[in-house]
Each structure stands twice: as structure tokens, then as C-alpha cells.
Amino acid sequence: MSPDVDLTVRPPGHHILRDRFLAADSRLFEGVATRHWPGADTVLPRLSRAANHGVLWFATAAALAATRSPRARRAAARGVASLALASATINTLGKRSVRRPRPLLDNVPMARQLKRQPITTSFPSGHSASAAAFATGVALESRGWGATVAPVAAAVALSRVYTGVHFPSDVLVGAALGVGAAYAVRGLVPTRDLLPPPGRPRAEAPALPDGEGLVVVANGGAATADRVRALQSALPLAEVVECGPDDVRTELEKAATHARVLGVCGGDGTVNAAAEVALRHGVPLAVLPGGTLNHFAQDLGVEDARDLARALADGHAVRVDVGRFSSGDTEGVFLNTCSLGVYPELVRVRERWSRVIGGWPAGLLGAARVLRTDHHPMEARFQERTRPLWLLFAGNGTYHRMGPVPGRRYDLADGLLDVRVVHGDGHPALRLLAAAAAGPLTRSPAHAAVRVDRFHVDGITPGTFLAYDGEVTEISGDLTLSKLPEALTVYRPFPVRP
């Protein structure tokens, strides 16, 4: 039997339907190719070239990240991740499965043809897939930014037909694959609206529709001016006190004596000071993020002044746990994390350089120095054994992420300390990276983790630094970590579901 004989059984009309579809696709291509749209001959070819290799979308992601909005940064990261998955799928499967030739350029005016014609097969359109993936990924995280990016993505997809390098069906299928890639990424890494919010237990708190009775202390050392103005616009009767970093605690104490609600705008260290004052005076706390990381505010669901204003206007608040540490005469509280070992050194480097090069670059510099420097592990006794410790991390509540570093908390009142330990002799960088790749409750020679309501360590080397919520203090001897369950009332917006 001849190897060229096709024995595939196809349903009646298979060839007819295919031929009709291809004919309609070609007619639509010819209609676009022969139609002149004012201004499009200049704009669309340039836009198509700008999207080569994802350059346009990477630049857009950088612009979103530069806004310093947490939501915009997440949207940028999700858009790039979706683009990467779509591009990998198209290049490894799509282009190789259907080897469709490119359209003929006979009816496409020279003015709109690309200077360099693509040499890959036509089906599906990689540019359309990348554009749709990026725009959908951004929209899944932020509808506002998605609405801004979507017209540009649609124009890029249209440009591939207008410049004559793709048939319309190539573009439609590519766009569909891009949308699917964005949803696949969301399946792996859910957007915040799909995550269970830390919204229990609810607490009684006064509703302040105009902000009367709210006193906000803003740390002028953080980039808070725009957020404070936005809060004043939403809550015009709120009292705002702006001060330098050295005066924050003094102003918080003054504000707590006459405020119905104590407000704070700053980073995690500033919020920590406000929480301690609010606990002592028994007043609710309103947190407006204004620092680099803002872990506590992010876990509350407060990303900007609109979120906080909505929570205050509605009187929506929750009770949260507060972590407590004590070592000799040194004691304090923490809302996020408390740690010993190499992490305090990272915090010290970050604080030293953050005002010069910015918070995120300073954090990367600190991590690089910690991993490259030849540190000696501290000696400490825990679980009835004396061990060399590279890192001891305790989270106020369970962190849902791999490894020993902070992730996201779904419950801010679970009564638990999330304790991670990296121990052993030699090769701290390898041990830390191995711990980062390990599961949250993994037991290994380098990494251990427990969830308890109290934790004690003794035999700590004198002069050891302890980091808590971005602040650093010196301890020695022993260390006790405990919980103050549901001790603090904090405003948070409850999610608005469609």
C-alpha cells in the first residue's frame, strides 16, 4: 500500500466546511487590506513593531510598577506572567501544529507593510496572544488598568491583519489563547478577590462618614503626601498630623488622648508603633499604608485611601491578634513578623540605604550582602537542644507561602505563631535557599517549622539583633514569643462582590 494514501475517516462535508471557512477568512482579510483608515497607516505598523518580542508590554508593565500602587504592581506582574505563558504555548505548540503560510501581500499597500516580514508560520498570531494575555492578566488584577490597556492590545491585534502578516482567524485564535493563558495563571496564582479575606471576627467600631473623631499621624519620612491628601478629600473632618520619623511616637501618644479612632500613615514600623499606642489606650486603629512593604495593611485589604475611607464610613472593623516578644528588660509587640539571625542584618542594610536608593533596591542589596557575607551562626537553645541558627522567623498568624519568608495571611486572628527555623553548620546561602524551596511544615536537616501559641528560645548570644516589623533591637539571654489573641480592633473594608 502506498504510504501517500490518506485513510483518515472524516465526516461528510468536512472539506466543504473547511473551504468555506478559509474562503470567508480570506475575504475578510482582503476587505481589511483594501480599506483605508485615516491615520492607521502611520499608527498601526509602528504599534505592531513596538510589540515585537513583548517590548511594548514590558514597557507598559514597568510604567505600571512605577506608579508605586500595590494593585498596579500586581497587575503588571500578572500581565507579564500571562504573556510569558501565552508566548511559550504559541511558540512550542501553536506554530508547530498548524503550518499555515502567511497571507499574500498583493493587495496590501506598501505604506502599511512591515519592513521586516515574519518568517514563522501564520497560525496562530503570537502578537495577538501576547497582547490579549497581558491585557487580560492586568484586568483580572485591576479593572481600571485593564480598561486602559485593553484598547492598545486590541489595536495591536488589529495591526497584524492591517499590515498583512496574519489572517483574521490567526488573530482571533491567538487572542483566545492569550485570554486562556491569563486565566490559567489565575488558576495557579489566584487574584486577591478569589482569596479568603482576613475578615473575622468582626468588631464594633464607630462609623465616621466624614472622618470626625479620626486623628491620623503621618510619618513624613515615607512617601505619604498623596495618600494623606486623598484621605483628607474623602474624610474632610479628619485631623491629620504630619511629623518626622523621630516624632511619630510622641505624636501618636498625643493623638490617642483625644481621638475616637487613632489613624496612622506610614510603613510597617510606624504602624507597629501606632498599634502599641492603640492597645495601651484602648482605641480602634485605622491604617493607611505609606511605606515600602506594608504587609499588615495589605493583609487587611487596605491598599489606598479609598479602601480606608470606605471602611471608616461604614464602621467596618475586625479584631486581630498581636504578637508579643520579651527578652530580659526588652519587650515589644509585632503585627507581622519577628526574627533572629541573618534577617535583622538584611533589615539594617535596607534601612541604611533605603533613603538613598529606595526601599526595593535597598532590600535587594541587603539580601545580596547577607547571602554573600561569611556570617557565623548564632548559638541558641530550643526544643531542648543547643543549635547553630541562621534564621528564626515567627509570623503573627499563619503565612500561606512556601519557605521561611512572609507571604499572605488569610486569618489575622488564628491564635498561632508561624515559626520557621533554618539551622545547622556551614553554607548559610544554600541552607536559606533550600528552606525557601521547602514546604511550610517540612522537616529537614536545614529547616523546621511549627505553629504554636508560644515559643521560647534561650542561650542567645549577647549582642544578637532581633528584627520586628522592620525595626531592629538588641537582645541576649532568652526570648519568649507569645500571642495577645484578638487584642486590637482595626478598620478594614469588607469586599464588594458583584
Protein backbone atom coordinates (compact mmCIF):
# COMPACT_ATOMS: atom_id res chain seq x y z
CA MET A 1 0.00 0.00 0.00
CA SER A 2 1.31 3.40 -0.90
CA PRO A 3 2.35 5.47 2.15
CA ASP A 4 0.75 8.54 0.50
CA VAL A 5 -2.76 7.11 0.67
CA ASP A 6 -4.86 9.02 3.25
CA LEU A 7 -7.13 6.57 5.10
CA THR A 8 -8.42 9.12 7.64
CA VAL A 9 -12.21 8.88 8.05
CA ARG A 10 -13.78 12.34 8.03
CA PRO A 11 -17.43 13.32 8.49
CA PRO A 12 -19.43 14.28 5.36
CA GLY A 13 -18.94 17.89 4.39
CA HIS A 14 -15.61 18.20 6.24
CA HIS A 15 -13.78 19.66 3.24
CA ILE A 16 -16.72 21.88 2.32
CA LEU A 17 -16.90 23.48 5.76
CA ARG A 18 -13.15 23.97 5.88
CA ASP A 19 -13.06 25.52 2.42
CA ARG A 20 -15.94 27.85 3.23
CA PHE A 21 -14.24 28.96 6.42
CA LEU A 22 -10.92 29.63 4.66
CA ALA A 23 -12.70 31.49 1.88
CA ALA A 24 -14.55 33.70 4.36
CA ASP A 25 -11.29 34.29 6.23
CA SER A 26 -9.55 35.34 3.01
CA ARG A 27 -12.40 37.66 2.01
CA LEU A 28 -12.27 39.36 5.41
CA PHE A 29 -8.50 39.74 5.07
CA GLU A 30 -8.89 41.29 1.62
CA GLY A 31 -11.56 43.66 2.97
CA VAL A 32 -9.19 44.94 5.65
CA ALA A 33 -6.24 45.06 3.24
CA THR A 34 -8.05 47.18 0.69
CA ARG A 35 -9.73 49.54 3.13
CA HIS A 36 -8.04 52.79 4.11
CA TRP A 37 -8.49 54.12 7.64
CA PRO A 38 -7.31 57.72 8.24
CA GLY A 39 -4.17 57.75 10.39
CA ALA A 40 -3.93 53.98 10.61
CA ASP A 41 -1.13 53.71 8.02
CA THR A 42 1.11 55.66 10.40
CA VAL A 43 -0.01 54.30 13.77
CA LEU A 44 -0.74 50.60 13.34
CA PRO A 45 2.53 49.49 11.67
CA ARG A 46 4.53 51.29 14.37
CA LEU A 47 2.39 49.77 17.09
CA SER A 48 2.84 46.32 15.57
CA ARG A 49 6.63 46.74 15.53
CA ALA A 50 6.62 48.05 19.11
CA ALA A 51 5.01 44.80 20.24
CA ASN A 52 7.84 42.67 18.78
CA HIS A 53 9.30 40.36 21.45
CA GLY A 54 6.86 41.82 24.01
CA VAL A 55 8.79 45.10 24.27
CA LEU A 56 5.61 47.20 24.34
CA TRP A 57 4.13 45.12 27.17
CA PHE A 58 7.30 45.02 29.25
CA ALA A 59 7.49 48.82 28.98
CA THR A 60 3.83 49.07 29.99
CA ALA A 61 4.47 46.78 32.98
CA ALA A 62 7.40 48.96 34.04
CA ALA A 63 5.20 52.06 33.82
CA LEU A 64 2.52 50.39 35.97
CA ALA A 65 5.09 49.33 38.56
CA ALA A 66 6.48 52.89 38.66
CA THR A 67 3.12 54.18 39.94
CA ARG A 68 4.01 52.64 43.35
CA SER A 69 0.44 51.40 43.65
CA PRO A 70 0.35 47.84 45.06
CA ARG A 71 -2.61 47.00 42.84
CA ALA A 72 -0.82 48.33 39.74
CA ARG A 73 2.32 46.39 40.60
CA ARG A 74 0.35 43.17 40.98
CA ALA A 75 -1.42 43.88 37.70
CA ALA A 76 1.92 44.38 35.95
CA ALA A 77 3.35 41.15 37.37
CA ARG A 78 0.24 39.16 36.43
CA GLY A 79 0.24 40.64 32.93
CA VAL A 80 3.88 39.67 32.34
CA ALA A 81 3.33 36.15 33.74
CA SER A 82 0.30 35.67 31.47
CA LEU A 83 2.27 36.94 28.46
CA ALA A 84 5.12 34.53 29.23
CA LEU A 85 2.77 31.53 29.38
CA ALA A 86 0.96 32.56 26.19
CA SER A 87 4.23 33.11 24.31
CA ALA A 88 5.63 29.75 25.43
CA THR A 89 2.44 27.96 24.37
CA ILE A 90 2.31 29.62 20.95
CA ASN A 91 5.98 29.03 20.14
CA THR A 92 6.15 25.41 21.31
CA LEU A 93 2.72 24.09 20.26
CA GLY A 94 0.72 26.58 18.21
CA LYS A 95 3.17 27.41 15.45
CA ARG A 96 4.24 23.79 15.02
CA SER A 97 0.80 22.18 14.99
CA VAL A 98 -0.72 24.17 12.08
CA ARG A 99 1.80 25.21 9.43
CA ARG A 100 -0.31 27.80 7.67
CA PRO A 101 1.51 30.10 5.21
CA ARG A 102 1.35 33.86 5.59
CA PRO A 103 -1.15 35.87 3.51
CA LEU A 104 -0.11 37.21 0.12
CA LEU A 105 0.68 40.93 0.20
CA ASP A 106 -0.53 41.76 -3.33
CA ASN A 107 -3.43 43.94 -2.14
CA VAL A 108 -1.69 45.41 0.95
CA PRO A 109 -0.37 48.94 0.28
CA MET A 110 3.40 49.30 0.68
CA ALA A 111 2.90 52.15 3.20
CA ARG A 112 1.46 49.79 5.77
CA GLN A 113 3.65 46.71 5.15
CA LEU A 114 6.26 45.89 7.77
CA LYS A 115 9.88 46.47 6.80
CA ARG A 116 10.80 43.00 8.01
CA GLN A 117 8.29 40.31 7.21
CA PRO A 118 7.90 37.44 9.73
CA ILE A 119 9.37 34.09 8.66
CA THR A 120 7.35 31.86 11.01
CA THR A 121 4.05 30.24 10.11
CA SER A 122 0.89 32.31 10.26
CA PHE A 123 -1.38 30.39 12.63
CA PRO A 124 -1.93 31.49 15.37
CA SER A 125 -0.86 35.10 15.89
CA GLY A 126 1.76 35.35 18.63
CA HIS A 127 1.42 39.14 18.85
CA SER A 128 -2.33 38.83 19.41
CA ALA A 129 -1.83 36.12 22.02
CA SER A 130 0.70 38.22 23.93
CA ALA A 131 -1.48 41.33 23.72
CA ALA A 132 -4.60 39.55 24.91
CA ALA A 133 -2.71 37.68 27.65
CA PHE A 134 -1.14 40.84 29.04
CA ALA A 135 -4.36 42.88 28.90
CA THR A 136 -6.43 40.11 30.47
CA GLY A 137 -3.88 39.48 33.20
CA VAL A 138 -3.86 43.19 34.06
CA ALA A 139 -7.67 43.36 34.02
CA LEU A 140 -8.03 40.34 36.31
CA GLU A 141 -6.00 42.20 38.93
CA SER A 142 -7.27 45.75 38.26
CA ARG A 143 -10.30 46.56 36.13
CA GLY A 144 -9.26 50.20 35.86
CA TRP A 145 -5.81 49.48 34.49
CA GLY A 146 -7.26 46.70 32.34
CA ALA A 147 -9.63 49.19 30.70
CA THR A 148 -6.62 51.41 29.96
CA VAL A 149 -4.52 48.64 28.42
CA ALA A 150 -7.30 46.84 26.50
CA PRO A 151 -7.62 49.37 23.61
CA VAL A 152 -3.89 49.19 22.98
CA ALA A 153 -3.99 45.39 22.98
CA ALA A 154 -6.94 45.43 20.55
CA ALA A 155 -5.06 47.83 18.26
CA VAL A 156 -2.02 45.53 18.24
CA ALA A 157 -4.22 42.57 17.28
CA LEU A 158 -5.87 44.60 14.51
CA SER A 159 -2.49 45.78 13.25
CA ARG A 160 -1.47 42.21 12.44
CA VAL A 161 -4.24 41.97 9.85
CA TYR A 162 -3.89 45.59 8.70
CA THR A 163 -0.19 45.15 7.94
CA GLY A 164 -0.89 41.91 6.06
CA VAL A 165 1.03 39.44 8.22
CA HIS A 166 -1.96 37.45 9.58
CA PHE A 167 -5.39 36.27 8.57
CA PRO A 168 -8.25 37.34 10.89
CA SER A 169 -8.66 33.79 12.19
CA ASP A 170 -4.98 33.76 13.21
CA VAL A 171 -5.63 36.84 15.33
CA LEU A 172 -8.87 35.56 16.87
CA VAL A 173 -7.40 32.20 17.85
CA GLY A 174 -4.22 33.86 19.17
CA ALA A 175 -6.27 36.26 21.28
CA ALA A 176 -8.36 33.37 22.63
CA LEU A 177 -5.19 31.50 23.61
CA GLY A 178 -3.88 34.64 25.31
CA VAL A 179 -7.05 35.03 27.36
CA GLY A 180 -6.85 31.36 28.29
CA ALA A 181 -3.24 31.79 29.41
CA ALA A 182 -4.23 34.65 31.71
CA TYR A 183 -6.95 32.54 33.31
CA ALA A 184 -4.54 29.62 33.64
CA VAL A 185 -2.14 31.87 35.55
CA ARG A 186 -5.02 32.94 37.79
CA GLY A 187 -5.74 29.27 38.44
CA LEU A 188 -2.15 28.82 39.65
CA VAL A 189 -1.90 32.14 41.49
CA PRO A 190 -5.39 33.38 42.45
CA THR A 191 -6.15 37.09 42.34
CA ARG A 192 -6.97 38.73 45.65
CA ASP A 193 -10.71 38.75 45.01
CA LEU A 194 -10.59 34.92 44.94
CA LEU A 195 -8.67 34.60 48.22
CA PRO A 196 -10.48 34.32 51.54
CA PRO A 197 -10.19 37.76 53.20
CA PRO A 198 -8.95 38.08 56.82
CA GLY A 199 -12.36 39.44 57.82
CA ARG A 200 -13.11 37.74 61.12
CA PRO A 201 -14.04 38.21 63.86
CA ARG A 202 -15.94 41.43 63.20
CA ALA A 203 -15.68 44.15 65.82
CA GLU A 204 -17.86 47.03 66.97
CA ALA A 205 -16.30 50.30 65.82
CA PRO A 206 -17.68 53.81 65.28
CA ALA A 207 -18.71 54.82 61.76
CA LEU A 208 -17.05 58.09 60.74
CA PRO A 209 -18.62 59.12 57.38
CA ASP A 210 -16.81 62.49 57.32
CA GLY A 211 -13.85 61.46 59.47
CA GLU A 212 -14.88 63.45 62.55
CA GLY A 213 -13.07 61.95 65.56
CA LEU A 214 -10.27 60.42 63.45
CA VAL A 215 -6.75 61.66 64.17
CA VAL A 216 -4.15 60.47 61.63
CA VAL A 217 -0.43 60.67 62.41
CA ALA A 218 1.53 60.60 59.13
CA ASN A 219 5.22 59.76 59.06
CA GLY A 220 6.75 62.39 56.77
CA GLY A 221 9.77 60.13 56.21
CA ALA A 222 7.62 57.89 53.99
CA ALA A 223 6.09 58.85 50.65
CA THR A 224 2.66 59.58 52.13
CA ALA A 225 1.71 63.07 50.88
CA ASP A 226 -0.55 61.91 48.03
CA ARG A 227 -2.29 59.35 50.21
CA VAL A 228 -2.87 61.82 53.03
CA ARG A 229 -4.40 64.31 50.58
CA ALA A 230 -6.65 61.57 49.19
CA LEU A 231 -7.77 60.65 52.71
CA GLN A 232 -8.45 64.30 53.59
CA SER A 233 -10.52 64.63 50.43
CA ALA A 234 -12.62 61.57 51.33
CA LEU A 235 -12.85 62.38 55.07
CA PRO A 236 -12.69 66.18 55.31
CA LEU A 237 -13.28 66.37 59.09
CA ALA A 238 -10.35 64.10 59.98
CA GLU A 239 -7.41 65.67 61.80
CA VAL A 240 -4.04 64.96 60.18
CA VAL A 241 -0.73 65.44 61.98
CA GLU A 242 2.36 65.22 59.78
CA CYS A 243 5.70 64.77 61.54
CA GLY A 244 9.22 63.45 61.10
CA PRO A 245 10.19 59.83 61.86
CA ASP A 246 11.70 60.76 65.25
CA ASP A 247 8.46 62.40 66.43
CA VAL A 248 5.99 59.71 65.37
CA ARG A 249 5.63 58.00 68.75
CA THR A 250 5.23 61.30 70.60
CA GLU A 251 2.51 62.47 68.22
CA LEU A 252 0.75 59.11 68.43
CA GLU A 253 0.60 59.39 72.22
CA LYS A 254 -0.87 62.89 71.95
CA ALA A 255 -3.43 61.85 69.34
CA ALA A 256 -4.59 58.81 71.33
CA THR A 257 -5.64 61.01 74.28
CA HIS A 258 -8.46 62.71 72.34
CA ALA A 259 -9.14 60.56 69.24
CA ARG A 260 -12.18 58.33 68.83
CA VAL A 261 -10.10 56.46 66.26
CA LEU A 262 -6.32 56.57 66.01
CA GLY A 263 -5.08 56.68 62.43
CA VAL A 264 -1.58 56.15 61.10
CA CYS A 265 0.06 56.58 57.70
CA GLY A 266 3.49 55.06 57.19
CA GLY A 267 5.38 51.80 56.81
CA ASP A 268 5.27 48.67 58.94
CA GLY A 269 7.49 50.15 61.66
CA THR A 270 5.25 53.21 62.01
CA VAL A 271 2.14 51.01 62.08
CA ASN A 272 3.78 48.88 64.79
CA ALA A 273 4.25 51.97 66.99
CA ALA A 274 0.63 53.00 66.39
CA ALA A 275 -0.63 49.53 67.32
CA GLU A 276 1.26 49.62 70.61
CA VAL A 277 -0.23 53.03 71.46
CA ALA A 278 -3.75 51.98 70.38
CA LEU A 279 -3.52 48.87 72.57
CA ARG A 280 -2.47 50.87 75.60
CA HIS A 281 -5.23 53.48 75.17
CA GLY A 282 -7.93 51.04 74.08
CA VAL A 283 -8.87 52.84 70.84
CA PRO A 284 -9.50 51.38 67.36
CA LEU A 285 -6.75 51.71 64.76
CA ALA A 286 -7.08 52.89 61.14
CA VAL A 287 -4.08 52.06 58.91
CA LEU A 288 -3.21 53.88 55.69
CA PRO A 289 -0.16 52.24 54.03
CA GLY A 290 2.66 54.63 53.22
CA GLY A 291 5.87 52.58 53.32
CA THR A 292 7.67 50.15 51.04
CA LEU A 293 6.20 46.78 52.02
CA ASN A 294 3.04 47.50 54.07
CA HIS A 295 2.47 43.84 54.95
CA PHE A 296 -0.16 44.45 57.64
CA ALA A 297 -2.22 46.87 55.56
CA GLN A 298 -2.06 44.55 52.55
CA ASP A 299 -3.33 41.59 54.59
CA LEU A 300 -6.14 43.76 55.90
CA GLY A 301 -7.14 44.61 52.33
CA VAL A 302 -6.31 48.32 52.69
CA GLU A 303 -4.34 49.40 49.64
CA ASP A 304 -5.14 53.10 49.41
CA ALA A 305 -7.12 55.96 50.93
CA ARG A 306 -10.34 54.88 49.20
CA ASP A 307 -10.28 51.49 50.91
CA LEU A 308 -9.69 53.01 54.33
CA ALA A 309 -12.27 55.78 53.84
CA ARG A 310 -14.88 53.20 52.85
CA ALA A 311 -14.18 51.10 55.95
CA LEU A 312 -14.35 54.17 58.24
CA ALA A 313 -17.55 55.44 56.65
CA ASP A 314 -19.23 52.04 57.08
CA GLY A 315 -17.78 51.33 60.53
CA HIS A 316 -16.33 48.03 59.31
CA ALA A 317 -13.62 46.63 61.58
CA VAL A 318 -12.15 43.34 62.78
CA ARG A 319 -10.28 42.13 65.85
CA VAL A 320 -6.75 40.89 65.15
CA ASP A 321 -4.08 39.08 67.13
CA VAL A 322 -0.96 40.89 68.27
CA GLY A 323 2.39 39.10 68.67
CA ARG A 324 4.49 39.85 71.73
CA PHE A 325 8.22 39.34 72.40
CA SER A 326 10.17 39.66 75.66
CA SER A 327 13.86 39.22 76.38
CA GLY A 328 15.13 40.40 79.74
CA ASP A 329 14.19 44.08 80.04
CA THR A 330 13.38 44.33 76.32
CA GLU A 331 9.82 43.73 75.21
CA GLY A 332 7.50 44.83 72.46
CA VAL A 333 4.76 43.80 70.06
CA PHE A 334 4.66 42.83 66.40
CA LEU A 335 1.84 42.72 63.88
CA ASN A 336 3.71 40.91 61.10
CA THR A 337 6.94 39.12 61.89
CA CYS A 338 9.72 38.77 64.41
CA SER A 339 13.09 37.21 63.54
CA LEU A 340 16.64 36.43 64.65
CA GLY A 341 19.74 35.58 62.64
CA VAL A 342 20.63 36.91 59.21
CA TYR A 343 17.30 38.67 58.56
CA PRO A 344 17.95 41.51 61.07
CA GLU A 345 21.17 42.23 59.18
CA LEU A 346 19.15 42.47 55.97
CA VAL A 347 16.80 44.95 57.66
CA ARG A 348 19.72 47.07 58.89
CA VAL A 349 21.24 47.27 55.39
CA ARG A 350 17.83 48.07 53.89
CA GLU A 351 17.18 50.87 56.36
CA ARG A 352 20.64 52.31 55.83
CA TRP A 353 20.25 52.53 52.06
CA SER A 354 16.50 52.96 51.53
CA ARG A 355 16.59 56.76 51.72
CA VAL A 356 19.38 56.85 49.14
CA ILE A 357 18.29 54.30 46.53
CA GLY A 358 14.70 53.47 47.52
CA GLY A 359 13.09 50.68 49.51
CA TRP A 360 13.00 47.82 46.98
CA PRO A 361 16.58 48.31 45.66
CA ALA A 362 17.80 48.59 49.26
CA GLY A 363 16.04 45.32 50.12
CA LEU A 364 17.71 43.54 47.19
CA LEU A 365 21.08 44.99 48.22
CA GLY A 366 20.55 43.73 51.78
CA ALA A 367 19.64 40.22 50.59
CA ALA A 368 22.70 40.09 48.33
CA ARG A 369 25.01 41.16 51.13
CA VAL A 370 23.53 38.69 53.59
CA LEU A 371 23.93 35.77 51.20
CA ARG A 372 27.47 36.73 50.16
CA THR A 373 28.88 37.63 53.58
CA ASP A 374 30.58 34.91 55.61
CA HIS A 375 28.32 35.04 58.69
CA HIS A 376 28.76 32.84 61.74
CA PRO A 377 25.54 31.29 63.03
CA MET A 378 24.34 32.36 66.44
CA GLU A 379 24.05 29.73 69.16
CA ALA A 380 20.65 29.26 70.79
CA ARG A 381 18.78 26.55 72.64
CA PHE A 382 15.32 25.50 71.51
CA GLN A 383 13.40 22.22 71.52
CA GLU A 384 15.76 21.06 74.31
CA ARG A 385 18.85 21.27 72.10
CA THR A 386 21.57 23.87 71.59
CA ARG A 387 21.89 24.55 67.86
CA PRO A 388 23.61 26.96 65.47
CA LEU A 389 20.88 29.15 63.99
CA TRP A 390 21.00 31.05 60.70
CA LEU A 391 17.41 32.25 60.89
CA LEU A 392 14.47 32.09 63.25
CA PHE A 393 11.29 33.60 61.83
CA ALA A 394 7.98 33.93 63.69
CA GLY A 395 4.87 35.23 61.98
CA ASN A 396 1.88 36.70 63.77
CA GLY A 397 -0.59 34.26 62.26
CA THR A 398 -0.14 31.57 59.62
CA TYR A 399 1.58 32.65 56.43
CA HIS A 400 0.48 30.80 53.32
CA ARG A 401 3.58 30.62 51.20
CA MET A 402 6.49 28.29 50.61
CA GLY A 403 9.65 28.77 52.65
CA PRO A 404 10.60 30.84 55.68
CA VAL A 405 9.71 34.30 54.34
CA PRO A 406 6.45 36.24 54.76
CA GLY A 407 3.62 35.60 52.32
CA ARG A 408 -0.09 36.26 52.74
CA ARG A 409 -2.24 35.65 55.81
CA TYR A 410 -5.85 34.60 55.35
CA ASP A 411 -6.68 34.84 59.06
CA LEU A 412 -5.33 37.58 61.34
CA ALA A 413 -6.91 36.06 64.45
CA ASP A 414 -5.98 32.37 64.32
CA GLY A 415 -4.14 32.43 67.67
CA LEU A 416 -0.94 30.95 66.21
CA LEU A 417 2.69 31.87 65.74
CA ASP A 418 4.09 30.59 62.42
CA VAL A 419 7.67 29.67 63.41
CA ARG A 420 10.29 28.73 60.78
CA VAL A 421 13.88 27.83 61.66
CA VAL A 422 16.97 27.44 59.47
CA HIS A 423 19.75 25.78 61.44
CA GLY A 424 22.99 23.82 61.04
CA ASP A 425 26.66 24.48 60.31
CA GLY A 426 28.13 25.97 57.14
CA HIS A 427 26.78 27.26 53.82
CA PRO A 428 24.12 29.70 55.01
CA ALA A 429 23.13 30.74 51.47
CA LEU A 430 22.47 27.13 50.44
CA ARG A 431 20.51 26.45 53.60
CA LEU A 432 18.38 29.56 53.22
CA LEU A 433 17.63 28.79 49.57
CA ALA A 434 16.79 25.17 50.44
CA ALA A 435 14.43 26.38 53.16
CA ALA A 436 12.80 28.81 50.72
CA ALA A 437 12.05 25.89 48.40
CA ALA A 438 10.68 23.71 51.20
CA GLY A 439 7.06 23.43 52.25
CA PRO A 440 5.78 25.38 55.25
CA LEU A 441 5.75 22.34 57.57
CA THR A 442 8.74 20.49 56.14
CA ARG A 443 11.19 18.78 58.46
CA SER A 444 14.72 18.56 57.08
CA PRO A 445 18.30 18.83 58.30
CA ALA A 446 18.24 22.53 57.34
CA HIS A 447 14.69 23.63 58.01
CA ALA A 448 11.99 23.10 60.63
CA ALA A 449 8.60 24.71 61.11
CA VAL A 450 5.90 24.65 63.80
CA ARG A 451 2.69 26.53 64.53
CA VAL A 452 2.23 27.23 68.21
CA ASP A 453 0.77 29.89 70.50
CA ARG A 454 4.01 30.32 72.47
CA PHE A 455 7.69 29.77 71.67
CA HIS A 456 10.78 30.05 73.87
CA VAL A 457 14.46 30.24 72.96
CA ASP A 458 17.31 30.59 75.46
CA GLY A 459 21.08 30.69 75.37
CA ILE A 460 21.04 33.51 72.81
CA THR A 461 24.46 35.06 72.19
CA PRO A 462 24.79 38.56 73.77
CA GLY A 463 24.51 41.37 71.22
CA THR A 464 22.14 39.42 68.95
CA PHE A 465 19.79 41.59 66.91
CA LEU A 466 16.06 41.00 66.78
CA ALA A 467 14.00 42.37 63.86
CA TYR A 468 10.28 43.04 64.29
CA ASP A 469 8.03 44.74 61.72
CA GLY A 470 11.02 46.37 60.04
CA GLU A 471 12.55 47.64 63.30
CA VAL A 472 15.69 46.25 64.97
CA THR A 473 16.62 45.93 68.65
CA GLU A 474 19.37 44.14 70.58
CA ILE A 475 18.69 41.18 72.89
CA SER A 476 20.58 38.47 74.79
CA GLY A 477 19.88 35.50 77.03
CA ASP A 478 16.39 34.23 76.35
CA LEU A 479 13.48 35.14 74.12
CA THR A 480 9.81 34.38 74.61
CA LEU A 481 7.29 34.84 71.83
CA SER A 482 3.58 34.79 72.64
CA LYS A 483 0.20 35.97 71.39
CA LEU A 484 -2.35 38.54 72.53
CA PRO A 485 -5.47 36.98 70.92
CA GLU A 486 -7.93 39.38 69.25
CA ALA A 487 -6.39 42.25 71.19
CA LEU A 488 -6.59 45.05 68.62
CA THR A 489 -9.55 46.49 66.70
CA VAL A 490 -8.59 47.58 63.18
CA TYR A 491 -10.69 49.03 60.35
CA ARG A 492 -10.81 47.08 57.12
CA PRO A 493 -13.08 47.28 54.04
CA PHE A 494 -15.25 44.26 53.54
CA PRO A 495 -15.08 43.02 49.94
CA VAL A 496 -17.65 44.24 47.46
CA ARG A 497 -18.72 41.24 45.38
CA PRO A 498 -20.54 41.62 42.06
